[in-house]
Amino acid sequence: MKKNLHFLVIITTILFLGCKPENPHFTEIIIDDQAPEFVWMKSTGDINQDGKVDMLAGGWQGGGMVAYLAPDWEKIVINDSLHISTDAEVRDIDNNGIPDVVSVVDRAIIWLSGPDWKLHVIDSMIGHDVEVHDFDNNGLIDVISRIRVHSVPAGDIRSTSIVSNRWEYGQDLKK
């Protein structure tokens, strides 16, 4: 017991003396003063395959989805008409070696195939978050999204998940 108390006193002293009350310093850099409207989606990934992490932004009210290419943050438009919701992931969906984007949009989960950003509908649903991974280890990319039901009483949030890998390369998933 005495040994534990000494250890606790030493750790508490180290933590107390080692912590500085200073806040970290950040520098604001505006990279686009014409960004999509009401940016809900923010994500990262190597869109142009240069080994650098690029930034993506999508607007719910307008402006579609854009990417800012590192390191100089050159803006490219991925789609200029979709209402982008809350999430997007960069991943090579069709195994052609070119990054694609899976995103939650108004009433659908979509896949934009790079480099021309052709639109494919994965599922017609109101999703909130999206993740892409080979969850079942079958060599195919799976897409999972949380479905949020808004027609439930306040305080009662119900959600479920879907995993979709039923589509075939070059075809849209149709219900």
N, C-alpha and C. Protein backbone atom coordinates (compact mmCIF):
# COMPACT_ATOMS: atom_id res chain seq x y z
N MET A 1 0.83 -1.19 0.00
CA MET A 1 0.00 0.00 0.00
C MET A 1 0.87 1.25 0.00
N LYS A 2 1.90 1.23 0.86
CA LYS A 2 2.80 2.37 0.95
C LYS A 2 3.53 2.58 -0.37
N LYS A 3 3.89 1.48 -1.05
CA LYS A 3 4.58 1.53 -2.33
C LYS A 3 3.67 2.17 -3.39
N ASN A 4 2.39 1.79 -3.39
CA ASN A 4 1.43 2.37 -4.33
C ASN A 4 1.23 3.86 -4.08
N LEU A 5 1.20 4.26 -2.82
CA LEU A 5 1.02 5.67 -2.47
C LEU A 5 2.22 6.48 -2.94
N HIS A 6 3.45 5.97 -2.76
CA HIS A 6 4.64 6.67 -3.24
C HIS A 6 4.60 6.82 -4.76
N PHE A 7 4.21 5.74 -5.46
CA PHE A 7 4.11 5.78 -6.91
C PHE A 7 3.09 6.84 -7.35
N LEU A 8 1.95 6.88 -6.69
CA LEU A 8 0.90 7.85 -7.02
C LEU A 8 1.38 9.29 -6.80
N VAL A 9 2.11 9.53 -5.70
CA VAL A 9 2.64 10.87 -5.42
C VAL A 9 3.66 11.26 -6.48
N ILE A 10 4.53 10.36 -6.86
CA ILE A 10 5.56 10.67 -7.87
C ILE A 10 4.90 10.98 -9.21
N ILE A 11 3.97 10.16 -9.66
CA ILE A 11 3.30 10.38 -10.94
C ILE A 11 2.53 11.70 -10.91
N THR A 12 1.81 11.97 -9.84
CA THR A 12 1.05 13.22 -9.72
C THR A 12 1.98 14.42 -9.77
N THR A 13 3.11 14.35 -9.12
CA THR A 13 4.09 15.44 -9.14
C THR A 13 4.64 15.66 -10.54
N ILE A 14 5.01 14.59 -11.20
CA ILE A 14 5.54 14.70 -12.56
C ILE A 14 4.51 15.33 -13.49
N LEU A 15 3.27 14.84 -13.41
CA LEU A 15 2.22 15.38 -14.28
C LEU A 15 1.92 16.84 -13.96
N PHE A 16 1.89 17.19 -12.69
CA PHE A 16 1.58 18.57 -12.29
C PHE A 16 2.68 19.54 -12.71
N LEU A 17 3.93 19.17 -12.51
CA LEU A 17 5.04 20.05 -12.86
C LEU A 17 5.35 20.05 -14.35
N GLY A 18 5.05 18.94 -15.01
CA GLY A 18 5.37 18.82 -16.43
C GLY A 18 4.36 19.48 -17.35
N CYS A 19 3.19 19.78 -16.86
CA CYS A 19 2.14 20.37 -17.71
C CYS A 19 2.25 21.88 -17.68
N LYS A 20 2.21 22.46 -18.84
CA LYS A 20 2.25 23.91 -18.94
C LYS A 20 0.85 24.41 -19.27
N PRO A 21 0.42 25.50 -18.68
CA PRO A 21 -0.93 26.00 -18.90
C PRO A 21 -1.08 26.77 -20.22
N GLU A 22 -0.08 26.70 -21.10
CA GLU A 22 -0.14 27.44 -22.35
C GLU A 22 -1.01 26.71 -23.38
N ASN A 23 -1.75 27.48 -24.14
CA ASN A 23 -2.53 26.90 -25.22
C ASN A 23 -1.65 26.75 -26.44
N PRO A 24 -1.91 25.74 -27.27
CA PRO A 24 -1.13 25.61 -28.49
C PRO A 24 -1.40 26.77 -29.43
N HIS A 25 -0.45 27.06 -30.29
CA HIS A 25 -0.58 28.18 -31.23
C HIS A 25 -0.91 27.64 -32.61
N PHE A 26 -1.97 28.13 -33.19
CA PHE A 26 -2.38 27.76 -34.53
C PHE A 26 -2.41 29.00 -35.40
N THR A 27 -2.11 28.82 -36.67
CA THR A 27 -2.18 29.92 -37.62
C THR A 27 -3.29 29.63 -38.62
N GLU A 28 -4.23 30.55 -38.74
CA GLU A 28 -5.33 30.38 -39.68
C GLU A 28 -4.85 30.70 -41.09
N ILE A 29 -5.12 29.79 -42.01
CA ILE A 29 -4.79 29.99 -43.41
C ILE A 29 -6.05 29.74 -44.21
N ILE A 30 -6.54 30.73 -44.90
CA ILE A 30 -7.72 30.59 -45.75
C ILE A 30 -7.24 30.13 -47.12
N ILE A 31 -7.68 28.93 -47.52
CA ILE A 31 -7.23 28.40 -48.80
C ILE A 31 -8.28 28.57 -49.90
N ASP A 32 -9.51 28.91 -49.52
CA ASP A 32 -10.56 29.09 -50.52
C ASP A 32 -11.66 29.97 -49.94
N ASP A 33 -11.79 31.17 -50.48
CA ASP A 33 -12.87 32.04 -50.02
C ASP A 33 -14.14 31.86 -50.85
N GLN A 34 -14.12 30.87 -51.76
CA GLN A 34 -15.29 30.52 -52.58
C GLN A 34 -15.60 29.03 -52.40
N ALA A 35 -15.53 28.56 -51.19
CA ALA A 35 -15.76 27.14 -50.89
C ALA A 35 -17.24 26.80 -51.05
N PRO A 36 -17.57 25.51 -51.13
CA PRO A 36 -18.98 25.12 -51.19
C PRO A 36 -19.76 25.70 -50.01
N GLU A 37 -21.09 25.87 -50.23
CA GLU A 37 -21.93 26.47 -49.20
C GLU A 37 -22.33 25.44 -48.14
N PHE A 38 -22.29 25.87 -46.88
CA PHE A 38 -22.62 25.02 -45.74
C PHE A 38 -21.83 23.72 -45.81
N VAL A 39 -20.53 23.84 -45.64
CA VAL A 39 -19.64 22.67 -45.72
C VAL A 39 -19.95 21.75 -44.54
N TRP A 40 -20.55 20.61 -44.86
CA TRP A 40 -20.82 19.59 -43.86
C TRP A 40 -19.75 18.50 -43.92
N MET A 41 -19.32 18.16 -45.14
CA MET A 41 -18.38 17.06 -45.30
C MET A 41 -16.96 17.61 -45.36
N LYS A 42 -16.12 17.04 -44.53
CA LYS A 42 -14.69 17.30 -44.55
C LYS A 42 -14.00 15.95 -44.48
N SER A 43 -13.04 15.75 -45.38
CA SER A 43 -12.34 14.47 -45.39
C SER A 43 -10.95 14.68 -45.97
N THR A 44 -10.14 13.63 -45.91
CA THR A 44 -8.79 13.69 -46.46
C THR A 44 -8.50 12.41 -47.22
N GLY A 45 -7.54 12.49 -48.12
CA GLY A 45 -7.09 11.33 -48.88
C GLY A 45 -6.22 11.79 -50.03
N ASP A 46 -5.47 10.89 -50.58
CA ASP A 46 -4.56 11.23 -51.68
C ASP A 46 -5.32 11.11 -53.01
N ILE A 47 -5.97 12.17 -53.43
CA ILE A 47 -6.81 12.18 -54.63
C ILE A 47 -5.98 12.04 -55.91
N ASN A 48 -4.83 12.70 -55.98
CA ASN A 48 -4.04 12.73 -57.22
C ASN A 48 -2.83 11.79 -57.20
N GLN A 49 -2.74 10.91 -56.23
CA GLN A 49 -1.71 9.88 -56.15
C GLN A 49 -0.28 10.42 -56.16
N ASP A 50 -0.08 11.54 -55.48
CA ASP A 50 1.27 12.09 -55.41
C ASP A 50 1.94 11.79 -54.07
N GLY A 51 1.28 10.99 -53.23
CA GLY A 51 1.83 10.63 -51.93
C GLY A 51 1.56 11.64 -50.84
N LYS A 52 0.83 12.71 -51.15
CA LYS A 52 0.50 13.75 -50.17
C LYS A 52 -0.99 13.68 -49.86
N VAL A 53 -1.34 13.99 -48.63
CA VAL A 53 -2.73 13.94 -48.21
C VAL A 53 -3.44 15.22 -48.64
N ASP A 54 -4.48 15.06 -49.44
CA ASP A 54 -5.28 16.18 -49.92
C ASP A 54 -6.51 16.34 -49.03
N MET A 55 -7.17 17.49 -49.13
CA MET A 55 -8.38 17.76 -48.36
C MET A 55 -9.58 17.79 -49.28
N LEU A 56 -10.72 17.29 -48.79
CA LEU A 56 -11.97 17.34 -49.52
C LEU A 56 -12.99 18.11 -48.70
N ALA A 57 -13.88 18.82 -49.38
CA ALA A 57 -14.96 19.55 -48.72
C ALA A 57 -16.20 19.44 -49.58
N GLY A 58 -17.34 19.28 -48.93
CA GLY A 58 -18.60 19.17 -49.66
C GLY A 58 -19.66 20.04 -49.03
N GLY A 59 -20.44 20.72 -49.87
CA GLY A 59 -21.45 21.65 -49.39
C GLY A 59 -22.85 21.07 -49.46
N TRP A 60 -23.60 21.26 -48.39
CA TRP A 60 -24.98 20.79 -48.34
C TRP A 60 -25.90 21.70 -49.17
N GLN A 61 -25.70 23.00 -49.11
CA GLN A 61 -26.58 23.94 -49.82
C GLN A 61 -26.16 24.16 -51.27
N GLY A 62 -24.91 24.01 -51.58
CA GLY A 62 -24.46 24.24 -52.93
C GLY A 62 -22.96 24.11 -53.05
N GLY A 63 -22.50 24.01 -54.29
CA GLY A 63 -21.07 23.95 -54.53
C GLY A 63 -20.53 22.56 -54.70
N GLY A 64 -21.35 21.54 -54.41
CA GLY A 64 -20.91 20.17 -54.61
C GLY A 64 -19.73 19.77 -53.76
N MET A 65 -18.79 19.04 -54.37
CA MET A 65 -17.61 18.54 -53.68
C MET A 65 -16.35 19.02 -54.39
N VAL A 66 -15.40 19.50 -53.61
CA VAL A 66 -14.12 19.95 -54.15
C VAL A 66 -12.99 19.27 -53.39
N ALA A 67 -11.83 19.23 -54.03
CA ALA A 67 -10.62 18.73 -53.37
C ALA A 67 -9.58 19.84 -53.44
N TYR A 68 -8.77 19.93 -52.41
CA TYR A 68 -7.65 20.86 -52.35
C TYR A 68 -6.38 20.02 -52.32
N LEU A 69 -5.58 20.14 -53.37
CA LEU A 69 -4.41 19.29 -53.53
C LEU A 69 -3.20 19.85 -52.80
N ALA A 70 -2.63 19.03 -51.93
CA ALA A 70 -1.43 19.41 -51.19
C ALA A 70 -0.24 19.45 -52.15
N PRO A 71 0.75 20.27 -51.92
CA PRO A 71 0.93 21.14 -50.77
C PRO A 71 0.45 22.58 -51.00
N ASP A 72 0.09 22.95 -52.23
CA ASP A 72 -0.28 24.35 -52.48
C ASP A 72 -1.78 24.58 -52.44
N TRP A 73 -2.59 23.51 -52.19
CA TRP A 73 -4.04 23.56 -52.03
C TRP A 73 -4.77 24.02 -53.29
N GLU A 74 -4.24 23.59 -54.46
CA GLU A 74 -4.94 23.84 -55.72
C GLU A 74 -6.32 23.19 -55.64
N LYS A 75 -7.34 23.94 -56.04
CA LYS A 75 -8.73 23.46 -55.96
C LYS A 75 -9.13 22.75 -57.25
N ILE A 76 -9.70 21.54 -57.10
CA ILE A 76 -10.30 20.86 -58.25
C ILE A 76 -11.74 20.54 -57.87
N VAL A 77 -12.63 20.63 -58.83
CA VAL A 77 -14.04 20.32 -58.60
C VAL A 77 -14.27 18.85 -58.94
N ILE A 78 -14.78 18.12 -57.97
CA ILE A 78 -15.12 16.71 -58.18
C ILE A 78 -16.56 16.61 -58.69
N ASN A 79 -17.45 17.38 -58.10
CA ASN A 79 -18.84 17.46 -58.55
C ASN A 79 -19.38 18.81 -58.12
N ASP A 80 -20.10 19.49 -59.02
CA ASP A 80 -20.57 20.83 -58.68
C ASP A 80 -22.07 20.93 -58.42
N SER A 81 -22.78 19.78 -58.40
CA SER A 81 -24.23 19.88 -58.27
C SER A 81 -24.84 19.09 -57.11
N LEU A 82 -24.13 18.13 -56.57
CA LEU A 82 -24.69 17.31 -55.50
C LEU A 82 -24.80 18.08 -54.19
N HIS A 83 -25.75 17.69 -53.38
CA HIS A 83 -25.87 18.18 -52.01
C HIS A 83 -25.14 17.19 -51.13
N ILE A 84 -23.92 17.53 -50.77
CA ILE A 84 -23.05 16.61 -50.02
C ILE A 84 -23.43 16.67 -48.55
N SER A 85 -23.61 15.51 -47.96
CA SER A 85 -24.02 15.44 -46.57
C SER A 85 -22.81 15.39 -45.64
N THR A 86 -22.73 14.42 -44.78
CA THR A 86 -21.82 14.49 -43.64
C THR A 86 -20.48 13.81 -43.78
N ASP A 87 -20.29 12.95 -44.79
CA ASP A 87 -19.05 12.18 -44.76
C ASP A 87 -18.65 11.74 -46.16
N ALA A 88 -17.36 11.49 -46.33
CA ALA A 88 -16.81 10.92 -47.56
C ALA A 88 -15.51 10.21 -47.22
N GLU A 89 -15.20 9.20 -48.01
CA GLU A 89 -13.96 8.44 -47.84
C GLU A 89 -13.29 8.29 -49.20
N VAL A 90 -11.97 8.39 -49.22
CA VAL A 90 -11.19 8.20 -50.44
C VAL A 90 -10.65 6.78 -50.42
N ARG A 91 -10.95 6.03 -51.49
CA ARG A 91 -10.51 4.63 -51.57
C ARG A 91 -10.65 4.16 -53.01
N ASP A 92 -9.82 3.26 -53.43
CA ASP A 92 -9.93 2.68 -54.77
C ASP A 92 -11.01 1.60 -54.73
N ILE A 93 -12.21 1.95 -55.15
CA ILE A 93 -13.36 1.05 -55.07
C ILE A 93 -13.32 -0.03 -56.13
N ASP A 94 -12.94 0.31 -57.36
CA ASP A 94 -13.01 -0.64 -58.48
C ASP A 94 -11.68 -1.32 -58.79
N ASN A 95 -10.71 -1.17 -57.90
CA ASN A 95 -9.41 -1.85 -58.02
C ASN A 95 -8.68 -1.56 -59.33
N ASN A 96 -8.80 -0.30 -59.81
CA ASN A 96 -8.07 0.08 -61.02
C ASN A 96 -6.83 0.91 -60.70
N GLY A 97 -6.51 1.06 -59.40
CA GLY A 97 -5.33 1.81 -58.99
C GLY A 97 -5.54 3.31 -58.91
N ILE A 98 -6.76 3.78 -59.15
CA ILE A 98 -7.06 5.22 -59.13
C ILE A 98 -8.01 5.49 -57.97
N PRO A 99 -7.70 6.51 -57.13
CA PRO A 99 -8.58 6.81 -56.00
C PRO A 99 -9.98 7.21 -56.45
N ASP A 100 -10.96 6.74 -55.70
CA ASP A 100 -12.36 7.09 -55.88
C ASP A 100 -12.85 7.74 -54.59
N VAL A 101 -14.07 8.28 -54.62
CA VAL A 101 -14.65 8.88 -53.43
C VAL A 101 -16.02 8.26 -53.21
N VAL A 102 -16.25 7.76 -51.99
CA VAL A 102 -17.58 7.30 -51.56
C VAL A 102 -18.10 8.37 -50.62
N SER A 103 -19.36 8.79 -50.84
CA SER A 103 -19.89 9.90 -50.05
C SER A 103 -21.36 9.73 -49.73
N VAL A 104 -21.76 10.37 -48.64
CA VAL A 104 -23.16 10.49 -48.28
C VAL A 104 -23.67 11.77 -48.92
N VAL A 105 -24.74 11.64 -49.70
CA VAL A 105 -25.38 12.81 -50.30
C VAL A 105 -26.85 12.78 -49.92
N ASP A 106 -27.61 13.75 -50.40
CA ASP A 106 -29.03 13.82 -50.11
C ASP A 106 -29.73 12.57 -50.63
N ARG A 107 -30.15 11.71 -49.72
CA ARG A 107 -30.94 10.50 -50.00
C ARG A 107 -30.19 9.41 -50.75
N ALA A 108 -28.87 9.35 -50.63
CA ALA A 108 -28.12 8.28 -51.29
C ALA A 108 -26.70 8.16 -50.74
N ILE A 109 -26.13 6.98 -50.95
CA ILE A 109 -24.70 6.75 -50.77
C ILE A 109 -24.16 6.59 -52.19
N ILE A 110 -23.15 7.36 -52.54
CA ILE A 110 -22.65 7.36 -53.91
C ILE A 110 -21.17 7.02 -53.97
N TRP A 111 -20.74 6.70 -55.17
CA TRP A 111 -19.34 6.45 -55.47
C TRP A 111 -19.01 7.30 -56.68
N LEU A 112 -18.00 8.14 -56.56
CA LEU A 112 -17.49 8.96 -57.66
C LEU A 112 -16.18 8.33 -58.10
N SER A 113 -16.16 7.76 -59.32
CA SER A 113 -14.96 7.04 -59.77
C SER A 113 -13.99 7.99 -60.45
N GLY A 114 -12.77 8.02 -59.90
CA GLY A 114 -11.73 8.87 -60.45
C GLY A 114 -11.12 8.25 -61.69
N PRO A 115 -10.48 9.02 -62.53
CA PRO A 115 -10.21 10.46 -62.37
C PRO A 115 -11.27 11.36 -62.99
N ASP A 116 -12.29 10.79 -63.67
CA ASP A 116 -13.31 11.64 -64.30
C ASP A 116 -14.51 11.88 -63.40
N TRP A 117 -14.57 11.23 -62.25
CA TRP A 117 -15.57 11.41 -61.20
C TRP A 117 -16.98 11.05 -61.67
N LYS A 118 -17.09 9.95 -62.43
CA LYS A 118 -18.39 9.45 -62.86
C LYS A 118 -19.18 9.02 -61.62
N LEU A 119 -20.46 9.38 -61.61
CA LEU A 119 -21.33 9.12 -60.46
C LEU A 119 -21.98 7.74 -60.56
N HIS A 120 -21.90 6.97 -59.45
CA HIS A 120 -22.58 5.69 -59.31
C HIS A 120 -23.38 5.74 -58.01
N VAL A 121 -24.61 5.30 -58.03
CA VAL A 121 -25.41 5.22 -56.80
C VAL A 121 -25.19 3.84 -56.20
N ILE A 122 -24.71 3.79 -54.98
CA ILE A 122 -24.51 2.52 -54.27
C ILE A 122 -25.81 2.09 -53.63
N ASP A 123 -26.48 3.02 -52.93
CA ASP A 123 -27.73 2.69 -52.27
C ASP A 123 -28.54 3.96 -52.11
N SER A 124 -29.85 3.86 -52.29
CA SER A 124 -30.75 4.99 -52.08
C SER A 124 -31.25 4.92 -50.65
N MET A 125 -30.63 5.69 -49.80
CA MET A 125 -30.96 5.72 -48.38
C MET A 125 -30.50 7.05 -47.81
N ILE A 126 -31.05 7.41 -46.68
CA ILE A 126 -30.59 8.61 -45.98
C ILE A 126 -29.54 8.15 -44.97
N GLY A 127 -28.29 8.35 -45.31
CA GLY A 127 -27.20 7.94 -44.44
C GLY A 127 -26.64 9.13 -43.69
N HIS A 128 -25.81 8.81 -42.74
CA HIS A 128 -25.17 9.89 -41.97
C HIS A 128 -23.66 9.80 -42.03
N ASP A 129 -23.09 8.69 -41.74
CA ASP A 129 -21.65 8.48 -41.79
C ASP A 129 -21.38 7.35 -42.78
N VAL A 130 -20.17 7.31 -43.31
CA VAL A 130 -19.83 6.23 -44.22
C VAL A 130 -18.39 5.79 -43.96
N GLU A 131 -18.17 4.50 -44.03
CA GLU A 131 -16.83 3.93 -43.92
C GLU A 131 -16.68 2.90 -45.03
N VAL A 132 -15.48 2.76 -45.56
CA VAL A 132 -15.21 1.77 -46.61
C VAL A 132 -14.03 0.91 -46.19
N HIS A 133 -14.20 -0.41 -46.37
CA HIS A 133 -13.17 -1.36 -45.95
C HIS A 133 -13.63 -2.74 -46.41
N ASP A 134 -12.73 -3.67 -46.53
CA ASP A 134 -13.11 -5.06 -46.81
C ASP A 134 -13.42 -5.72 -45.47
N PHE A 135 -14.62 -5.50 -44.95
CA PHE A 135 -15.00 -5.98 -43.63
C PHE A 135 -15.07 -7.50 -43.54
N ASP A 136 -15.46 -8.17 -44.62
CA ASP A 136 -15.61 -9.62 -44.58
C ASP A 136 -14.44 -10.37 -45.22
N ASN A 137 -13.36 -9.65 -45.52
CA ASN A 137 -12.12 -10.25 -46.03
C ASN A 137 -12.32 -11.10 -47.28
N ASN A 138 -13.20 -10.65 -48.19
CA ASN A 138 -13.41 -11.40 -49.43
C ASN A 138 -12.74 -10.75 -50.63
N GLY A 139 -11.94 -9.70 -50.38
CA GLY A 139 -11.23 -9.03 -51.45
C GLY A 139 -12.01 -7.91 -52.11
N LEU A 140 -13.25 -7.70 -51.70
CA LEU A 140 -14.09 -6.64 -52.25
C LEU A 140 -14.30 -5.55 -51.21
N ILE A 141 -14.34 -4.31 -51.67
CA ILE A 141 -14.57 -3.20 -50.75
C ILE A 141 -16.03 -3.18 -50.33
N ASP A 142 -16.27 -3.07 -49.03
CA ASP A 142 -17.61 -2.95 -48.47
C ASP A 142 -17.84 -1.50 -48.06
N VAL A 143 -19.08 -1.09 -48.06
CA VAL A 143 -19.46 0.26 -47.65
C VAL A 143 -20.46 0.12 -46.53
N ILE A 144 -20.20 0.80 -45.42
CA ILE A 144 -21.13 0.77 -44.29
C ILE A 144 -21.54 2.20 -43.98
N SER A 145 -22.81 2.38 -43.69
CA SER A 145 -23.33 3.70 -43.35
C SER A 145 -24.35 3.56 -42.24
N ARG A 146 -24.44 4.60 -41.45
CA ARG A 146 -25.45 4.64 -40.38
C ARG A 146 -26.68 5.33 -40.94
N ILE A 147 -27.83 4.68 -40.76
CA ILE A 147 -29.09 5.27 -41.19
C ILE A 147 -29.69 5.98 -39.99
N ARG A 148 -30.02 7.25 -40.16
CA ARG A 148 -30.63 8.00 -39.08
C ARG A 148 -32.10 8.23 -39.41
N VAL A 149 -32.93 7.83 -38.50
CA VAL A 149 -34.37 7.98 -38.69
C VAL A 149 -34.81 9.24 -37.97
N HIS A 150 -35.34 10.22 -38.71
CA HIS A 150 -35.73 11.50 -38.12
C HIS A 150 -37.16 11.52 -37.63
N SER A 151 -37.95 10.49 -37.94
CA SER A 151 -39.37 10.51 -37.60
C SER A 151 -39.65 9.80 -36.28
N VAL A 152 -38.72 9.88 -35.36
CA VAL A 152 -38.93 9.27 -34.05
C VAL A 152 -39.03 10.36 -33.01
N PRO A 153 -39.62 10.06 -31.85
CA PRO A 153 -39.76 11.10 -30.82
C PRO A 153 -38.42 11.68 -30.40
N ALA A 154 -38.44 12.93 -29.95
CA ALA A 154 -37.22 13.61 -29.50
C ALA A 154 -36.53 12.77 -28.43
N GLY A 155 -35.24 12.67 -28.56
CA GLY A 155 -34.45 11.91 -27.59
C GLY A 155 -34.34 10.43 -27.93
N ASP A 156 -35.11 9.95 -28.91
CA ASP A 156 -35.09 8.54 -29.28
C ASP A 156 -34.45 8.42 -30.66
N ILE A 157 -33.14 8.23 -30.70
CA ILE A 157 -32.42 8.11 -31.96
C ILE A 157 -32.24 6.63 -32.27
N ARG A 158 -32.79 6.21 -33.39
CA ARG A 158 -32.64 4.83 -33.81
C ARG A 158 -31.73 4.79 -35.01
N SER A 159 -30.84 3.87 -35.03
CA SER A 159 -29.95 3.76 -36.18
C SER A 159 -29.69 2.30 -36.49
N THR A 160 -29.33 2.06 -37.70
CA THR A 160 -28.97 0.73 -38.14
C THR A 160 -27.82 0.87 -39.12
N SER A 161 -27.28 -0.20 -39.57
CA SER A 161 -26.16 -0.13 -40.50
C SER A 161 -26.43 -1.05 -41.68
N ILE A 162 -25.90 -0.67 -42.82
CA ILE A 162 -25.95 -1.53 -44.00
C ILE A 162 -24.54 -1.80 -44.44
N VAL A 163 -24.33 -2.93 -44.99
CA VAL A 163 -23.05 -3.22 -45.64
C VAL A 163 -23.40 -3.59 -47.07
N SER A 164 -22.84 -2.85 -48.02
CA SER A 164 -23.15 -3.09 -49.43
C SER A 164 -21.89 -3.48 -50.18
N ASN A 165 -21.90 -4.63 -50.76
CA ASN A 165 -20.92 -4.99 -51.78
C ASN A 165 -21.63 -5.82 -52.82
N ARG A 166 -22.93 -5.57 -52.97
CA ARG A 166 -23.76 -6.33 -53.90
C ARG A 166 -23.62 -5.81 -55.32
N TRP A 167 -23.11 -4.58 -55.50
CA TRP A 167 -22.98 -4.08 -56.86
C TRP A 167 -21.79 -4.72 -57.54
N GLU A 168 -21.83 -4.75 -58.84
CA GLU A 168 -20.73 -5.27 -59.62
C GLU A 168 -20.04 -4.11 -60.31
N TYR A 169 -18.74 -4.28 -60.59
CA TYR A 169 -17.99 -3.23 -61.24
C TYR A 169 -18.69 -2.79 -62.52
N GLY A 170 -18.89 -1.49 -62.66
CA GLY A 170 -19.50 -0.94 -63.85
C GLY A 170 -21.00 -0.87 -63.79
N GLN A 171 -21.62 -1.36 -62.72
CA GLN A 171 -23.07 -1.32 -62.61
C GLN A 171 -23.46 -0.61 -61.32
N ASP A 172 -24.57 0.11 -61.36
CA ASP A 172 -25.10 0.73 -60.16
C ASP A 172 -25.96 -0.26 -59.40
N LEU A 173 -25.99 -0.13 -58.10
CA LEU A 173 -26.85 -0.97 -57.28
C LEU A 173 -28.27 -0.45 -57.40
N LYS A 174 -29.18 -1.27 -57.74
CA LYS A 174 -30.59 -0.90 -57.84
C LYS A 174 -31.38 -1.73 -56.84
N LYS A 175 -32.26 -1.10 -56.12
CA LYS A 175 -33.10 -1.82 -55.15
C LYS A 175 -34.27 -2.45 -55.84
